[in-house]
Amino acid sequence: MSDKFFFKGRQDARQDYSGGAYKTNAGSNAGSEKYPLTLVVTSEARRQEVQALVDEAQLHARISVDTSEDAQESIAELTALLNKGATVKVDKTPARNEPCTCGSGKKYKKCCG
């Protein structure tokens, strides 16, 4: 029998360790049925306008009306989703020995490359 120590893992297995200090909602999709937007408006007429915008964008939201004097409208989540930019697509340049995209019939390296 050998008296050598064979390492079989951590002595204090960290069972309750749940990751780093940051708690991100990477899996949450804002505006979905599970994670609706939380919006605050100041009047019933404005509530109907915002509800029309939400329905048009096919989102889900909880809209509450605050009629107090110092009430402020809070629809920043909705405007951020509505003003989201589209994905930029870049055309792939042809390889050196492929035909040129300008239509000359030459290889790309002899024409535009």
Protein backbone atom coordinates (compact mmCIF):
# COMPACT_ATOMS: atom_id res chain seq x y z
CA MET A 1 0.00 0.00 0.00
CA SER A 2 1.35 3.33 -1.00
CA ASP A 3 1.12 6.40 1.17
CA LYS A 4 0.90 8.75 -1.78
CA PHE A 5 -1.92 11.27 -1.92
CA PHE A 6 -4.08 11.04 -5.02
CA PHE A 7 -6.08 14.19 -5.81
CA LYS A 8 -9.76 13.42 -6.32
CA GLY A 9 -11.09 16.96 -6.62
CA ARG A 10 -11.69 19.89 -4.33
CA GLN A 11 -11.72 19.17 -0.63
CA ASP A 12 -14.58 21.66 -0.08
CA ALA A 13 -16.90 21.10 -3.01
CA ARG A 14 -18.67 24.40 -3.63
CA GLN A 15 -22.20 23.12 -3.98
CA ASP A 16 -23.95 26.47 -3.47
CA TYR A 17 -21.73 28.47 -5.82
CA SER A 18 -23.95 30.01 -8.48
CA GLY A 19 -21.50 31.95 -10.62
CA GLY A 20 -20.26 35.51 -10.60
CA ALA A 21 -21.62 38.60 -8.89
CA TYR A 22 -23.55 39.78 -11.94
CA LYS A 23 -27.13 38.62 -12.29
CA THR A 24 -27.98 39.15 -15.93
CA ASN A 25 -31.27 38.36 -17.60
CA ALA A 26 -29.71 37.00 -20.75
CA GLY A 27 -32.56 34.57 -21.28
CA SER A 28 -35.31 37.13 -20.73
CA ASN A 29 -36.93 38.58 -23.80
CA ALA A 30 -38.40 42.00 -22.95
CA GLY A 31 -41.89 42.47 -24.29
CA SER A 32 -42.71 38.76 -24.33
CA GLU A 33 -45.64 37.18 -22.54
CA LYS A 34 -43.37 35.90 -19.76
CA TYR A 35 -41.48 39.22 -19.34
CA PRO A 36 -43.93 42.03 -20.27
CA LEU A 37 -42.90 45.67 -20.45
CA THR A 38 -43.83 47.85 -17.46
CA LEU A 39 -45.07 51.24 -18.68
CA VAL A 40 -46.54 54.24 -16.83
CA VAL A 41 -48.63 56.93 -18.54
CA THR A 42 -50.39 60.04 -17.22
CA SER A 43 -53.84 59.82 -18.84
CA GLU A 44 -56.34 57.31 -20.20
CA ALA A 45 -56.08 58.78 -23.72
CA ARG A 46 -52.30 58.37 -23.67
CA ARG A 47 -52.79 54.81 -22.41
CA GLN A 48 -54.83 53.98 -25.51
CA GLU A 49 -52.15 55.50 -27.79
CA VAL A 50 -49.40 53.48 -26.12
CA GLN A 51 -51.53 50.32 -26.21
CA ALA A 52 -51.96 50.81 -29.97
CA LEU A 53 -48.16 51.05 -30.36
CA VAL A 54 -47.67 47.90 -28.28
CA ASP A 55 -50.25 45.97 -30.29
CA GLU A 56 -48.77 47.14 -33.60
CA ALA A 57 -45.31 45.90 -32.55
CA GLN A 58 -46.84 42.59 -31.32
CA LEU A 59 -45.44 43.03 -27.79
CA HIS A 60 -46.88 42.46 -24.33
CA ALA A 61 -47.00 45.24 -21.73
CA ARG A 62 -48.52 46.18 -18.40
CA ILE A 63 -49.64 49.79 -18.73
CA SER A 64 -50.63 51.67 -15.59
CA VAL A 65 -52.19 55.15 -15.42
CA ASP A 66 -50.79 57.59 -12.82
CA THR A 67 -52.99 60.71 -12.55
CA SER A 68 -51.17 62.47 -9.70
CA GLU A 69 -49.81 65.99 -10.29
CA ASP A 70 -46.13 65.09 -10.13
CA ALA A 71 -46.53 61.94 -12.28
CA GLN A 72 -44.02 61.31 -15.04
CA GLU A 73 -44.47 59.12 -18.08
CA SER A 74 -42.21 56.07 -18.25
CA ILE A 75 -42.20 54.43 -21.69
CA ALA A 76 -38.43 54.20 -22.21
CA GLU A 77 -38.53 50.38 -22.53
CA LEU A 78 -41.04 50.62 -25.37
CA THR A 79 -39.17 53.33 -27.27
CA ALA A 80 -35.92 51.34 -26.98
CA LEU A 81 -37.56 48.29 -28.54
CA LEU A 82 -39.30 50.29 -31.27
CA ASN A 83 -36.14 52.22 -32.25
CA LYS A 84 -33.94 49.13 -32.40
CA GLY A 85 -31.80 49.18 -35.54
CA ALA A 86 -31.94 46.49 -38.17
CA THR A 87 -29.13 44.01 -38.69
CA VAL A 88 -26.46 45.29 -41.07
CA LYS A 89 -25.66 42.85 -43.86
CA VAL A 90 -22.42 43.20 -45.79
CA ASP A 91 -22.01 41.62 -49.22
CA LYS A 92 -19.16 39.15 -49.37
CA THR A 93 -16.35 40.14 -51.72
CA PRO A 94 -15.50 37.40 -54.22
CA ALA A 95 -12.30 35.38 -53.93
CA ARG A 96 -9.36 36.32 -56.14
CA ASN A 97 -9.99 33.70 -58.81
CA GLU A 98 -13.79 33.99 -59.00
CA PRO A 99 -15.48 36.01 -61.75
CA CYS A 100 -15.80 39.72 -60.98
CA THR A 101 -19.19 40.98 -59.78
CA CYS A 102 -19.14 43.99 -62.12
CA GLY A 103 -19.97 41.73 -65.09
CA SER A 104 -16.78 42.15 -67.13
CA GLY A 105 -16.14 38.41 -67.31
CA LYS A 106 -12.58 38.78 -65.96
CA LYS A 107 -11.29 37.31 -62.75
CA TYR A 108 -11.71 39.53 -59.68
CA LYS A 109 -7.93 39.88 -59.24
CA LYS A 110 -7.50 41.24 -62.79
CA CYS A 111 -10.51 43.56 -62.74
CA CYS A 112 -11.65 45.21 -59.50
CA GLY A 113 -9.37 43.53 -56.96
